[in-house]
C-alpha atoms as a PDB file:
ATOM      1  CA  MET A   1      23.136 -21.208   2.324  1.00  0.00           C
ATOM      2  CA  ASN A   2      26.048 -22.856   4.057  1.00  0.00           C
ATOM      3  CA  ALA A   3      27.308 -19.518   5.306  1.00  0.00           C
ATOM      4  CA  LEU A   4      24.046 -19.427   7.124  1.00  0.00           C
ATOM      5  CA  TYR A   5      24.274 -23.035   8.885  1.00  0.00           C
ATOM      6  CA  ARG A   6      27.817 -22.510  10.046  1.00  0.00           C
ATOM      7  CA  TYR A   7      27.006 -20.114  11.883  1.00  0.00           C
ATOM      8  CA  LEU A   8      24.252 -21.070  13.675  1.00  0.00           C
ATOM      9  CA  THR A   9      26.205 -24.507  14.461  1.00  0.00           C
ATOM     10  CA  ALA A  10      28.599 -22.096  15.370  1.00  0.00           C
ATOM     11  CA  VAL A  11      26.338 -20.261  18.063  1.00  0.00           C
ATOM     12  CA  LEU A  12      25.067 -23.867  18.705  1.00  0.00           C
ATOM     13  CA  ILE A  13      28.261 -24.900  19.894  1.00  0.00           C
ATOM     14  CA  THR A  14      29.137 -21.709  21.904  1.00  0.00           C
ATOM     15  CA  ALA A  15      25.913 -22.321  23.597  1.00  0.00           C
ATOM     16  CA  MET A  16      27.180 -25.284  25.073  1.00  0.00           C
ATOM     17  CA  MET A  17      29.700 -24.101  26.913  1.00  0.00           C
ATOM     18  CA  LEU A  18      27.799 -21.594  28.454  1.00  0.00           C
ATOM     19  CA  PRO A  19      26.943 -24.587  31.785  1.00  0.00           C
ATOM     20  CA  LEU A  20      30.975 -25.119  31.995  1.00  0.00           C
ATOM     21  CA  ALA A  21      31.659 -21.038  32.385  1.00  0.00           C
ATOM     22  CA  VAL A  22      28.510 -20.650  34.789  1.00  0.00           C
ATOM     23  CA  PHE A  23      26.446 -22.953  36.817  1.00  0.00           C
ATOM     24  CA  ALA A  24      24.632 -20.631  39.654  1.00  0.00           C
ATOM     25  CA  GLY A  25      21.648 -18.810  38.403  1.00  0.00           C
ATOM     26  CA  ASN A  26      20.141 -15.668  40.607  1.00  0.00           C
ATOM     27  CA  LYS A  27      18.795 -17.321  43.961  1.00  0.00           C
ATOM     28  CA  ASP A  28      19.145 -13.635  45.190  1.00  0.00           C
ATOM     29  CA  ARG A  29      15.988 -12.831  42.914  1.00  0.00           C
ATOM     30  CA  SER A  30      13.940 -15.631  43.945  1.00  0.00           C
ATOM     31  CA  GLY A  31      10.330 -14.630  43.860  1.00  0.00           C
ATOM     32  CA  GLN A  32      11.035 -10.862  42.213  1.00  0.00           C
ATOM     33  CA  ALA A  33       9.534 -12.459  38.535  1.00  0.00           C
ATOM     34  CA  GLY A  34       5.973 -12.622  37.631  1.00  0.00           C
ATOM     35  CA  ALA A  35       4.211 -15.032  35.094  1.00  0.00           C
ATOM     36  CA  SER A  36       5.656 -18.295  37.046  1.00  0.00           C
ATOM     37  CA  GLU A  37       3.227 -20.557  35.182  1.00  0.00           C
ATOM     38  CA  LEU A  38       5.499 -19.542  32.153  1.00  0.00           C
ATOM     39  CA  LEU A  39       8.544 -22.107  33.694  1.00  0.00           C
ATOM     40  CA  ILE A  40       5.648 -25.278  34.000  1.00  0.00           C
ATOM     41  CA  ASN A  41       5.657 -27.613  31.419  1.00  0.00           C
ATOM     42  CA  PRO A  42       2.165 -28.638  30.944  1.00  0.00           C
ATOM     43  CA  TRP A  43       3.293 -32.120  28.653  1.00  0.00           C
ATOM     44  CA  THR A  44       3.218 -35.323  29.610  1.00  0.00           C
ATOM     45  CA  ARG A  45       5.431 -37.099  28.041  1.00  0.00           C
ATOM     46  CA  SER A  46       9.001 -34.379  28.350  1.00  0.00           C
ATOM     47  CA  SER A  47       7.592 -34.023  32.224  1.00  0.00           C
ATOM     48  CA  GLY A  48       8.138 -38.090  32.239  1.00  0.00           C
ATOM     49  CA  TRP A  49      11.864 -37.635  32.187  1.00  0.00           C
ATOM     50  CA  ALA A  50      12.175 -34.506  33.885  1.00  0.00           C
ATOM     51  CA  SER A  51      12.273 -32.256  30.620  1.00  0.00           C
ATOM     52  CA  ALA A  52      15.713 -33.275  29.562  1.00  0.00           C
ATOM     53  CA  ASN A  53      14.412 -34.119  26.120  1.00  0.00           C
ATOM     54  CA  MET A  54      15.017 -30.750  25.202  1.00  0.00           C
ATOM     55  CA  ALA A  55      17.383 -31.581  22.352  1.00  0.00           C
ATOM     56  CA  ARG A  56      14.970 -33.964  21.060  1.00  0.00           C
ATOM     57  CA  VAL A  57      11.250 -32.930  21.655  1.00  0.00           C
ATOM     58  CA  ARG A  58       9.088 -33.355  18.613  1.00  0.00           C
ATOM     59  CA  GLY A  59       5.868 -32.207  17.616  1.00  0.00           C
ATOM     60  CA  LEU A  60       3.770 -30.257  19.404  1.00  0.00           C
ATOM     61  CA  GLU A  61       5.641 -30.918  23.075  1.00  0.00           C
ATOM     62  CA  ALA A  62       8.160 -28.896  21.959  1.00  0.00           C
ATOM     63  CA  MET A  63       6.269 -25.684  21.982  1.00  0.00           C
ATOM     64  CA  TRP A  64       7.301 -25.257  25.784  1.00  0.00           C
ATOM     65  CA  GLY A  65      10.419 -26.756  25.755  1.00  0.00           C
ATOM     66  CA  ASN A  66      12.120 -26.051  22.528  1.00  0.00           C
ATOM     67  CA  VAL A  67       9.770 -24.577  19.528  1.00  0.00           C
ATOM     68  CA  ALA A  68      12.053 -25.903  16.982  1.00  0.00           C
ATOM     69  CA  GLY A  69      11.391 -29.541  17.496  1.00  0.00           C
ATOM     70  CA  THR A  70       7.876 -28.795  16.182  1.00  0.00           C
ATOM     71  CA  ALA A  71       9.226 -28.588  12.432  1.00  0.00           C
ATOM     72  CA  PHE A  72       9.351 -32.853  13.109  1.00  0.00           C
ATOM     73  CA  THR A  73       5.338 -32.620  12.745  1.00  0.00           C
ATOM     74  CA  GLY A  74       4.643 -35.242  10.116  1.00  0.00           C
ATOM     75  CA  ARG A  75       0.939 -33.753   9.236  1.00  0.00           C
ATOM     76  CA  THR A  76      -1.179 -32.825  12.186  1.00  0.00           C
ATOM     77  CA  GLN A  77      -0.692 -33.476  15.481  1.00  0.00           C
ATOM     78  CA  LEU A  78      -3.124 -32.887  18.665  1.00  0.00           C
ATOM     79  CA  ILE A  79      -2.610 -33.206  22.568  1.00  0.00           C
ATOM     80  CA  PHE A  80      -4.859 -32.763  25.071  1.00  0.00           C
ATOM     81  CA  SER A  81      -3.436 -32.720  28.787  1.00  0.00           C
ATOM     82  CA  ASN A  82      -4.668 -32.578  32.548  1.00  0.00           C
ATOM     83  CA  VAL A  83      -1.861 -31.913  35.636  1.00  0.00           C
ATOM     84  CA  GLN A  84      -2.544 -31.973  38.863  1.00  0.00           C
ATOM     85  CA  TRP A  85      -0.004 -29.173  40.129  1.00  0.00           C
ATOM     86  CA  LEU A  86       1.214 -29.970  43.316  1.00  0.00           C
ATOM     87  CA  LYS A  87      -1.080 -32.533  44.351  1.00  0.00           C
ATOM     88  CA  GLY A  88      -3.061 -31.383  47.754  1.00  0.00           C
ATOM     89  CA  THR A  89      -3.657 -27.508  46.256  1.00  0.00           C
ATOM     90  CA  GLY A  90      -6.456 -28.636  44.447  1.00  0.00           C
ATOM     91  CA  THR A  91      -4.990 -26.853  41.693  1.00  0.00           C
ATOM     92  CA  ASN A  92      -5.086 -28.058  38.191  1.00  0.00           C
ATOM     93  CA  LEU A  93      -3.540 -27.089  35.157  1.00  0.00           C
ATOM     94  CA  PHE A  94      -5.573 -27.699  31.342  1.00  0.00           C
ATOM     95  CA  ALA A  95      -3.401 -27.694  28.300  1.00  0.00           C
ATOM     96  CA  PHE A  96      -4.340 -27.735  24.396  1.00  0.00           C
ATOM     97  CA  GLY A  97      -2.554 -27.847  21.160  1.00  0.00           C
ATOM     98  CA  LEU A  98      -2.080 -28.194  17.976  1.00  0.00           C
ATOM     99  CA  THR A  99       0.608 -28.678  14.984  1.00  0.00           C
ATOM    100  CA  GLN A 100       0.334 -28.256  11.431  1.00  0.00           C
ATOM    101  CA  LYS A 101       2.845 -29.282   8.822  1.00  0.00           C
ATOM    102  CA  VAL A 102       3.233 -26.335   6.367  1.00  0.00           C
ATOM    103  CA  GLY A 103       4.183 -27.300   3.058  1.00  0.00           C
ATOM    104  CA  ASP A 104       7.548 -29.426   2.695  1.00  0.00           C
ATOM    105  CA  ASP A 105       9.768 -27.954   5.688  1.00  0.00           C
ATOM    106  CA  GLY A 106       7.809 -25.990   8.178  1.00  0.00           C
ATOM    107  CA  ALA A 107       5.132 -26.354  10.691  1.00  0.00           C
ATOM    108  CA  LEU A 108       2.282 -23.744  12.446  1.00  0.00           C
ATOM    109  CA  GLY A 109       1.527 -24.798  16.684  1.00  0.00           C
ATOM    110  CA  ILE A 110      -1.250 -23.219  18.110  1.00  0.00           C
ATOM    111  CA  GLN A 111      -1.150 -23.899  22.314  1.00  0.00           C
ATOM    112  CA  VAL A 112      -3.500 -22.641  25.315  1.00  0.00           C
ATOM    113  CA  MET A 113      -2.453 -23.565  29.203  1.00  0.00           C
ATOM    114  CA  SER A 114      -4.789 -22.554  31.959  1.00  0.00           C
ATOM    115  CA  MET A 115      -4.678 -22.924  35.636  1.00  0.00           C
ATOM    116  CA  ASN A 116      -7.811 -23.522  37.937  1.00  0.00           C
ATOM    117  CA  PHE A 117      -7.388 -22.726  41.697  1.00  0.00           C
ATOM    118  CA  GLY A 118     -10.950 -23.265  42.368  1.00  0.00           C
ATOM    119  CA  GLU A 119     -13.256 -21.368  44.400  1.00  0.00           C
ATOM    120  CA  ILE A 120     -11.389 -19.171  47.056  1.00  0.00           C
ATOM    121  CA  GLU A 121     -13.392 -17.361  49.724  1.00  0.00           C
ATOM    122  CA  VAL A 122     -13.529 -13.246  49.721  1.00  0.00           C
ATOM    123  CA  THR A 123     -12.888 -11.698  52.747  1.00  0.00           C
ATOM    124  CA  THR A 124     -11.840  -8.297  54.162  1.00  0.00           C
ATOM    125  CA  THR A 125     -10.547  -6.430  57.216  1.00  0.00           C
ATOM    126  CA  GLU A 126     -14.028  -6.281  58.160  1.00  0.00           C
ATOM    127  CA  SER A 127     -14.927  -9.720  57.329  1.00  0.00           C
ATOM    128  CA  PRO A 128     -12.283 -11.759  57.653  1.00  0.00           C
ATOM    129  CA  ASP A 129     -13.536 -15.099  57.820  1.00  0.00           C
ATOM    130  CA  GLY A 130     -15.437 -14.762  54.524  1.00  0.00           C
ATOM    131  CA  GLY A 131     -18.774 -15.095  53.835  1.00  0.00           C
ATOM    132  CA  LEU A 132     -18.989 -12.434  51.359  1.00  0.00           C
ATOM    133  CA  GLY A 133     -19.099 -14.784  48.607  1.00  0.00           C
ATOM    134  CA  THR A 134     -15.802 -16.736  46.219  1.00  0.00           C
ATOM    135  CA  PHE A 135     -14.102 -15.565  42.998  1.00  0.00           C
ATOM    136  CA  SER A 136     -11.640 -17.613  40.916  1.00  0.00           C
ATOM    137  CA  PRO A 137      -8.320 -16.454  40.091  1.00  0.00           C
ATOM    138  CA  SER A 138      -7.325 -16.994  36.131  1.00  0.00           C
ATOM    139  CA  LEU A 139      -4.120 -17.909  34.829  1.00  0.00           C
ATOM    140  CA  MET A 140      -3.714 -18.278  30.827  1.00  0.00           C
ATOM    141  CA  ASN A 141      -1.315 -18.384  27.981  1.00  0.00           C
ATOM    142  CA  PHE A 142      -1.712 -19.177  24.202  1.00  0.00           C
ATOM    143  CA  SER A 143       0.832 -19.369  22.048  1.00  0.00           C
ATOM    144  CA  LEU A 144       1.219 -19.411  18.183  1.00  0.00           C
ATOM    145  CA  SER A 145       4.537 -20.877  16.591  1.00  0.00           C
ATOM    146  CA  TYR A 146       6.136 -21.257  13.329  1.00  0.00           C
ATOM    147  CA  ALA A 147       9.017 -23.485  12.616  1.00  0.00           C
ATOM    148  CA  LYS A 148      11.594 -25.269   9.981  1.00  0.00           C
ATOM    149  CA  ALA A 149      14.002 -27.085   8.880  1.00  0.00           C
ATOM    150  CA  PHE A 150      16.846 -25.364   6.966  1.00  0.00           C
ATOM    151  CA  SER A 151      18.786 -28.594   6.468  1.00  0.00           C
ATOM    152  CA  HIS A 152      18.439 -32.477   7.140  1.00  0.00           C
ATOM    153  CA  SER A 153      20.681 -31.175  10.287  1.00  0.00           C
ATOM    154  CA  ILE A 154      19.624 -28.044  11.416  1.00  0.00           C
ATOM    155  CA  TYR A 155      15.883 -26.936  12.560  1.00  0.00           C
ATOM    156  CA  GLY A 156      14.734 -24.041  14.169  1.00  0.00           C
ATOM    157  CA  GLY A 157      12.245 -22.154  15.283  1.00  0.00           C
ATOM    158  CA  MET A 158      10.041 -18.735  16.842  1.00  0.00           C
ATOM    159  CA  LEU A 159       6.571 -18.801  19.218  1.00  0.00           C
ATOM    160  CA  VAL A 160       4.930 -15.798  20.804  1.00  0.00           C
ATOM    161  CA  LYS A 161       2.862 -15.758  23.640  1.00  0.00           C
ATOM    162  CA  VAL A 162       0.088 -13.485  24.798  1.00  0.00           C
ATOM    163  CA  ILE A 163      -0.156 -14.256  29.233  1.00  0.00           C
ATOM    164  CA  SER A 164      -3.172 -13.702  31.263  1.00  0.00           C
ATOM    165  CA  GLU A 165      -3.292 -13.185  34.597  1.00  0.00           C
ATOM    166  CA  SER A 166      -6.141 -12.027  36.337  1.00  0.00           C
ATOM    167  CA  ILE A 167      -9.579 -11.837  39.201  1.00  0.00           C
ATOM    168  CA  SER A 168     -12.165 -10.394  39.490  1.00  0.00           C
ATOM    169  CA  ASP A 169     -11.382  -6.676  39.684  1.00  0.00           C
ATOM    170  CA  VAL A 170      -7.054  -7.084  38.871  1.00  0.00           C
ATOM    171  CA  SER A 171      -5.724  -8.492  35.813  1.00  0.00           C
ATOM    172  CA  ALA A 172      -2.280  -8.163  33.969  1.00  0.00           C
ATOM    173  CA  PHE A 173      -1.686  -9.118  30.284  1.00  0.00           C
ATOM    174  CA  GLY A 174       1.940  -9.761  28.743  1.00  0.00           C
ATOM    175  CA  VAL A 175       3.683 -10.845  25.865  1.00  0.00           C
ATOM    176  CA  ALA A 176       6.617 -12.701  25.380  1.00  0.00           C
ATOM    177  CA  ILE A 177       8.499 -14.510  22.437  1.00  0.00           C
ATOM    178  CA  ASP A 178      10.676 -18.330  22.690  1.00  0.00           C
ATOM    179  CA  ALA A 179      13.228 -19.302  20.120  1.00  0.00           C
ATOM    180  CA  GLY A 180      14.687 -22.386  19.601  1.00  0.00           C
ATOM    181  CA  ILE A 181      17.441 -24.601  17.151  1.00  0.00           C
ATOM    182  CA  GLN A 182      18.226 -28.241  17.106  1.00  0.00           C
ATOM    183  CA  TYR A 183      21.284 -30.154  15.433  1.00  0.00           C
ATOM    184  CA  VAL A 184      20.899 -33.419  14.622  1.00  0.00           C
ATOM    185  CA  THR A 185      23.980 -35.686  13.576  1.00  0.00           C
ATOM    186  CA  GLY A 186      25.111 -39.410  12.690  1.00  0.00           C
ATOM    187  CA  GLU A 187      24.366 -42.189  10.400  1.00  0.00           C
ATOM    188  CA  GLN A 188      20.978 -42.603  11.722  1.00  0.00           C
ATOM    189  CA  ASP A 189      20.771 -39.384  13.325  1.00  0.00           C
ATOM    190  CA  GLN A 190      21.159 -40.787  16.370  1.00  0.00           C
ATOM    191  CA  LEU A 191      23.154 -37.707  17.969  1.00  0.00           C
ATOM    192  CA  ALA A 192      21.165 -33.994  18.671  1.00  0.00           C
ATOM    193  CA  PHE A 193      21.837 -30.958  20.223  1.00  0.00           C
ATOM    194  CA  GLY A 194      19.362 -27.927  21.062  1.00  0.00           C
ATOM    195  CA  VAL A 195      19.305 -24.584  22.646  1.00  0.00           C
ATOM    196  CA  SER A 196      16.011 -22.474  23.012  1.00  0.00           C
ATOM    197  CA  LEU A 197      15.668 -19.162  24.824  1.00  0.00           C
ATOM    198  CA  LYS A 198      12.101 -18.553  26.641  1.00  0.00           C
ATOM    199  CA  ASN A 199       9.842 -16.134  27.934  1.00  0.00           C
ATOM    200  CA  ILE A 200      11.853 -12.658  26.061  1.00  0.00           C
ATOM    201  CA  GLY A 201       9.587  -9.972  26.964  1.00  0.00           C
ATOM    202  CA  PRO A 202       8.689  -6.308  28.328  1.00  0.00           C
ATOM    203  CA  GLN A 203       7.312  -6.078  32.110  1.00  0.00           C
ATOM    204  CA  MET A 204       3.811  -6.581  32.506  1.00  0.00           C
ATOM    205  CA  GLN A 205       2.024  -4.788  35.597  1.00  0.00           C
ATOM    206  CA  PHE A 206      -1.410  -5.245  37.628  1.00  0.00           C
ATOM    207  CA  SER A 207      -4.117  -2.650  37.487  1.00  0.00           C
ATOM    208  CA  GLY A 208      -7.848  -2.236  37.847  1.00  0.00           C
ATOM    209  CA  ASP A 209     -10.508  -1.477  40.273  1.00  0.00           C
ATOM    210  CA  GLY A 210      -9.276  -3.582  42.663  1.00  0.00           C
ATOM    211  CA  LEU A 211      -6.139  -1.163  43.425  1.00  0.00           C
ATOM    212  CA  SER A 212      -8.941   1.410  43.987  1.00  0.00           C
ATOM    213  CA  LEU A 213      -9.515   2.687  47.455  1.00  0.00           C
ATOM    214  CA  LYS A 214     -13.001   4.955  48.948  1.00  0.00           C
ATOM    215  CA  SER A 215     -12.019   7.191  51.390  1.00  0.00           C
ATOM    216  CA  VAL A 216     -13.944  10.713  52.893  1.00  0.00           C
ATOM    217  CA  ILE A 217     -12.059  13.999  53.225  1.00  0.00           C
ATOM    218  CA  PRO A 218     -12.262  14.576  56.839  1.00  0.00           C
ATOM    219  CA  GLY A 219     -14.416  17.365  57.291  1.00  0.00           C
ATOM    220  CA  GLN A 220     -16.747  16.923  53.924  1.00  0.00           C
ATOM    221  CA  ASP A 221     -19.478  13.902  52.678  1.00  0.00           C
ATOM    222  CA  ASN A 222     -18.252  13.304  49.477  1.00  0.00           C
ATOM    223  CA  GLN A 223     -16.487  10.587  48.838  1.00  0.00           C
ATOM    224  CA  PHE A 224     -12.927  10.135  46.831  1.00  0.00           C
ATOM    225  CA  THR A 225     -11.830   7.319  45.093  1.00  0.00           C
ATOM    226  CA  LEU A 226      -7.772   6.671  45.253  1.00  0.00           C
ATOM    227  CA  GLU A 227      -6.391   4.760  42.312  1.00  0.00           C
ATOM    228  CA  GLN A 228      -3.061   3.256  43.639  1.00  0.00           C
ATOM    229  CA  ARG A 229      -0.410   1.722  41.244  1.00  0.00           C
ATOM    230  CA  SER A 230       1.017  -1.693  41.230  1.00  0.00           C
ATOM    231  CA  ASP A 231       4.804  -2.033  40.485  1.00  0.00           C
ATOM    232  CA  ALA A 232       5.793  -3.783  37.256  1.00  0.00           C
ATOM    233  CA  PHE A 233       7.121  -7.297  37.179  1.00  0.00           C
ATOM    234  CA  GLU A 234       9.711  -8.891  34.765  1.00  0.00           C
ATOM    235  CA  ILE A 235       8.974 -12.736  33.405  1.00  0.00           C
ATOM    236  CA  PRO A 236      11.144 -15.255  33.793  1.00  0.00           C
ATOM    237  CA  THR A 237      13.606 -15.593  30.843  1.00  0.00           C
ATOM    238  CA  GLN A 238      15.109 -19.169  30.436  1.00  0.00           C
ATOM    239  CA  LEU A 239      17.626 -20.949  28.975  1.00  0.00           C
ATOM    240  CA  ASN A 240      18.214 -24.557  28.073  1.00  0.00           C
ATOM    241  CA  ILE A 241      20.924 -26.111  26.720  1.00  0.00           C
ATOM    242  CA  GLY A 242      20.428 -30.315  26.052  1.00  0.00           C
ATOM    243  CA  ALA A 243      22.210 -32.996  24.112  1.00  0.00           C
ATOM    244  CA  SER A 244      20.570 -36.657  23.801  1.00  0.00           C
ATOM    245  CA  TYR A 245      21.659 -39.882  21.835  1.00  0.00           C
ATOM    246  CA  ASP A 246      19.976 -42.236  20.412  1.00  0.00           C
ATOM    247  CA  PHE A 247      21.134 -46.364  21.232  1.00  0.00           C
ATOM    248  CA  LEU A 248      19.518 -48.466  18.332  1.00  0.00           C
ATOM    249  CA  PHE A 249      18.517 -51.980  18.593  1.00  0.00           C
ATOM    250  CA  PRO A 250      17.253 -54.562  16.855  1.00  0.00           C
ATOM    251  CA  LYS A 251      13.373 -55.452  16.172  1.00  0.00           C
ATOM    252  CA  ASP A 252      12.869 -51.322  16.491  1.00  0.00           C
ATOM    253  CA  TYR A 253      14.021 -50.937  20.479  1.00  0.00           C
ATOM    254  CA  ARG A 254      15.272 -48.051  21.447  1.00  0.00           C
ATOM    255  CA  LEU A 255      16.725 -46.218  24.506  1.00  0.00           C
ATOM    256  CA  THR A 256      17.829 -42.456  24.480  1.00  0.00           C
ATOM    257  CA  VAL A 257      19.952 -40.932  26.645  1.00  0.00           C
ATOM    258  CA  ALA A 258      19.376 -37.270  27.224  1.00  0.00           C
ATOM    259  CA  GLY A 259      20.691 -34.017  29.431  1.00  0.00           C
ATOM    260  CA  THR A 260      19.418 -30.304  29.693  1.00  0.00           C
ATOM    261  CA  PHE A 261      21.230 -27.714  31.728  1.00  0.00           C
ATOM    262  CA  ILE A 262      18.437 -24.857  32.789  1.00  0.00           C
ATOM    263  CA  SER A 263      20.151 -21.502  33.349  1.00  0.00           C
ATOM    264  CA  ASN A 264      16.918 -20.099  35.099  1.00  0.00           C
ATOM    265  CA  SER A 265      16.930 -16.104  35.253  1.00  0.00           C
ATOM    266  CA  PHE A 266      15.626 -15.936  38.640  1.00  0.00           C
ATOM    267  CA  THR A 267      16.064 -19.027  40.412  1.00  0.00           C
ATOM    268  CA  LYS A 268      19.041 -21.445  40.722  1.00  0.00           C
ATOM    269  CA  ASP A 269      19.954 -23.144  37.749  1.00  0.00           C
ATOM    270  CA  GLN A 270      19.070 -26.859  37.341  1.00  0.00           C
ATOM    271  CA  PHE A 271      20.549 -29.983  35.631  1.00  0.00           C
ATOM    272  CA  SER A 272      17.941 -33.148  34.103  1.00  0.00           C
ATOM    273  CA  LEU A 273      19.160 -36.382  32.935  1.00  0.00           C
ATOM    274  CA  GLY A 274      16.522 -38.585  31.667  1.00  0.00           C
ATOM    275  CA  LEU A 275      16.119 -42.199  30.089  1.00  0.00           C
ATOM    276  CA  GLU A 276      13.534 -43.339  27.312  1.00  0.00           C
ATOM    277  CA  GLY A 277      13.058 -46.526  26.081  1.00  0.00           C
ATOM    278  CA  SER A 278      10.709 -47.546  23.290  1.00  0.00           C
ATOM    279  CA  LEU A 279       9.940 -50.965  22.061  1.00  0.00           C
ATOM    280  CA  HIS A 280       8.000 -51.213  18.958  1.00  0.00           C
ATOM    281  CA  ASN A 281       6.935 -47.674  19.156  1.00  0.00           C
ATOM    282  CA  TRP A 282       3.950 -48.946  20.562  1.00  0.00           C
ATOM    283  CA  VAL A 283       5.100 -48.631  24.822  1.00  0.00           C
ATOM    284  CA  LEU A 284       7.445 -46.058  25.658  1.00  0.00           C
ATOM    285  CA  LEU A 285       9.095 -45.904  29.159  1.00  0.00           C
ATOM    286  CA  ARG A 286      10.633 -43.324  30.609  1.00  0.00           C
ATOM    287  CA  MET A 287      12.904 -41.950  33.962  1.00  0.00           C
ATOM    288  CA  GLY A 288      14.559 -38.605  35.040  1.00  0.00           C
ATOM    289  CA  TYR A 289      16.087 -36.915  37.424  1.00  0.00           C
ATOM    290  CA  THR A 290      16.642 -32.869  38.136  1.00  0.00           C
ATOM    291  CA  TYR A 291      19.390 -31.385  40.258  1.00  0.00           C
ATOM    292  CA  GLU A 292      20.163 -28.265  41.580  1.00  0.00           C
ATOM    293  CA  GLN A 293      22.616 -26.879  44.078  1.00  0.00           C
ATOM    294  CA  GLY A 294      21.401 -27.185  47.910  1.00  0.00           C
ATOM    295  CA  MET A 295      18.431 -29.351  46.865  1.00  0.00           C
ATOM    296  CA  TRP A 296      19.522 -31.947  49.919  1.00  0.00           C
ATOM    297  CA  ASP A 297      19.228 -29.466  51.944  1.00  0.00           C
ATOM    298  CA  ASP A 298      15.759 -28.587  54.813  1.00  0.00           C
ATOM    299  CA  ILE A 299      12.786 -28.532  52.716  1.00  0.00           C
ATOM    300  CA  LEU A 300      11.937 -24.899  54.339  1.00  0.00           C
ATOM    301  CA  SER A 301      15.713 -23.996  53.481  1.00  0.00           C
ATOM    302  CA  PRO A 302      15.939 -20.687  51.520  1.00  0.00           C
ATOM    303  CA  GLU A 303      18.505 -22.463  49.090  1.00  0.00           C
ATOM    304  CA  ASN A 304      15.492 -24.510  47.849  1.00  0.00           C
ATOM    305  CA  THR A 305      14.388 -21.982  44.656  1.00  0.00           C
ATOM    306  CA  ASN A 306      12.341 -24.528  42.448  1.00  0.00           C
ATOM    307  CA  VAL A 307       9.567 -26.246  43.147  1.00  0.00           C
ATOM    308  CA  ASN A 308      10.497 -29.007  40.650  1.00  0.00           C
ATOM    309  CA  SER A 309      13.401 -31.360  41.464  1.00  0.00           C
ATOM    310  CA  GLY A 310      14.081 -34.606  42.181  1.00  0.00           C
ATOM    311  CA  PHE A 311      12.712 -37.876  40.337  1.00  0.00           C
ATOM    312  CA  SER A 312      10.330 -37.569  37.203  1.00  0.00           C
ATOM    313  CA  ALA A 313       8.577 -41.074  35.416  1.00  0.00           C
ATOM    314  CA  GLY A 314       6.147 -41.752  33.109  1.00  0.00           C
ATOM    315  CA  PHE A 315       5.033 -43.768  30.346  1.00  0.00           C
ATOM    316  CA  SER A 316       3.109 -44.134  27.164  1.00  0.00           C
ATOM    317  CA  VAL A 317       1.172 -46.821  25.107  1.00  0.00           C
ATOM    318  CA  GLN A 318       0.186 -46.289  21.459  1.00  0.00           C
ATOM    319  CA  VAL A 319      -2.570 -47.683  19.443  1.00  0.00           C
ATOM    320  CA  PRO A 320      -1.434 -47.425  15.604  1.00  0.00           C
ATOM    321  CA  LEU A 321      -4.442 -46.131  13.417  1.00  0.00           C
ATOM    322  CA  ASN A 322      -2.622 -46.621   9.907  1.00  0.00           C
ATOM    323  CA  LYS A 323       0.524 -47.985   9.748  1.00  0.00           C
ATOM    324  CA  GLU A 324       1.267 -46.875   6.358  1.00  0.00           C
ATOM    325  CA  LYS A 325       0.496 -43.461   7.216  1.00  0.00           C
ATOM    326  CA  GLY A 326       2.129 -43.551  10.850  1.00  0.00           C
ATOM    327  CA  THR A 327      -1.077 -42.176  12.585  1.00  0.00           C
ATOM    328  CA  TYR A 328      -1.941 -43.465  16.107  1.00  0.00           C
ATOM    329  CA  LEU A 329      -3.588 -42.665  19.196  1.00  0.00           C
ATOM    330  CA  GLY A 330      -1.109 -41.920  22.685  1.00  0.00           C
ATOM    331  CA  ILE A 331      -2.310 -42.542  25.879  1.00  0.00           C
ATOM    332  CA  ASP A 332       0.496 -40.546  28.822  1.00  0.00           C
ATOM    333  CA  TYR A 333       0.948 -40.335  32.076  1.00  0.00           C
ATOM    334  CA  ALA A 334       3.940 -38.918  34.316  1.00  0.00           C
ATOM    335  CA  TYR A 335       4.515 -37.927  37.476  1.00  0.00           C
ATOM    336  CA  ARG A 336       7.166 -35.163  38.532  1.00  0.00           C
ATOM    337  CA  GLN A 337       8.227 -35.379  42.416  1.00  0.00           C
ATOM    338  CA  THR A 338       8.457 -31.367  44.283  1.00  0.00           C
ATOM    339  CA  VAL A 339       9.769 -30.569  47.004  1.00  0.00           C
ATOM    340  CA  SER A 340       6.802 -29.571  48.865  1.00  0.00           C
ATOM    341  CA  PHE A 341       2.613 -31.109  48.500  1.00  0.00           C
ATOM    342  CA  SER A 342       2.240 -34.702  46.697  1.00  0.00           C
ATOM    343  CA  GLY A 343       3.978 -34.128  43.259  1.00  0.00           C
ATOM    344  CA  ASN A 344       2.501 -33.080  40.354  1.00  0.00           C
ATOM    345  CA  HIS A 345       0.508 -35.532  37.796  1.00  0.00           C
ATOM    346  CA  TYR A 346       0.123 -35.786  34.275  1.00  0.00           C
ATOM    347  CA  ILE A 347      -2.505 -37.198  32.204  1.00  0.00           C
ATOM    348  CA  GLY A 348      -2.681 -36.705  28.419  1.00  0.00           C
ATOM    349  CA  ILE A 349      -4.266 -38.205  25.191  1.00  0.00           C
ATOM    350  CA  ILE A 350      -2.457 -37.781  21.548  1.00  0.00           C
ATOM    351  CA  PHE A 351      -3.489 -38.477  18.419  1.00  0.00           C
ATOM    352  CA  ASN A 352      -0.860 -38.228  15.638  1.00  0.00           C
ATOM    353  CA  LEU A 353      -2.885 -37.773  12.435  1.00  0.00           C
END
């Protein structure tokens, strides 16, 4: 078992060195991947400091960032979240999740995320102004995870997600896997490192009646149906490598500094830096910043390949339900700047039971 710990630590340290060798991403492949909703963080707390806490993320929110962090679930945790995505477009994201401690060292998690784009007018070449009704695109991801504490310092986990994208007559389905590890050290576990590899899976492809075309052979009265095939597409794999440190003060005050390197397979890489302050664990304040090369160029510049960059901020208010058991009810809010429209606004409710 000690050999396993040394191996995992070596992998972690090696991964931490990767950003020193490469910082470019694949901007030339921008727009070539599908299922981009997999890159959207649906949770409020981690979004409030730019998802910089991938080394320290705990409980249910770790299912998106670094699944190893779900191993820190005390008993049961539930979260409901609503995101006004790119405010001004009418796009909303809803997320629900639950994590449950299993045994002494493990935790199971369930996460559901759905995007709502509202009603869209049906148009055709014959009726470009609509009048034929409406349709509603549907994007939904369902995830199941398991994480375990291998020791007091090393935590690891895996997650399987099912991806569904559809409109009324065309749909695509896929499967992907996430894996993550967190390493905690220090006299009071103040220092943490984390690595997560996300969205590993086969290509997806759309199919359905919407890709069929009815036509008539010249000289004949009978119609025939031509079924067209869409190209298969890859899903956006992502590697996150992060570190954090807790500054502990008297009277149960805490300030956490965190940073994460985000390596994107189909867009440019990013760096996220963030701060979180805790006052008696009742009020938590957060802020962060996400940087990528070329982000200060003109908004229409091809150098901008990620929608999320710039400033983030958020806060949480937690009401203790049972101090002995550590249960509480929390309300969260976060704002995240985007390169277009009016940013993303997050509201969440968390039950720690």
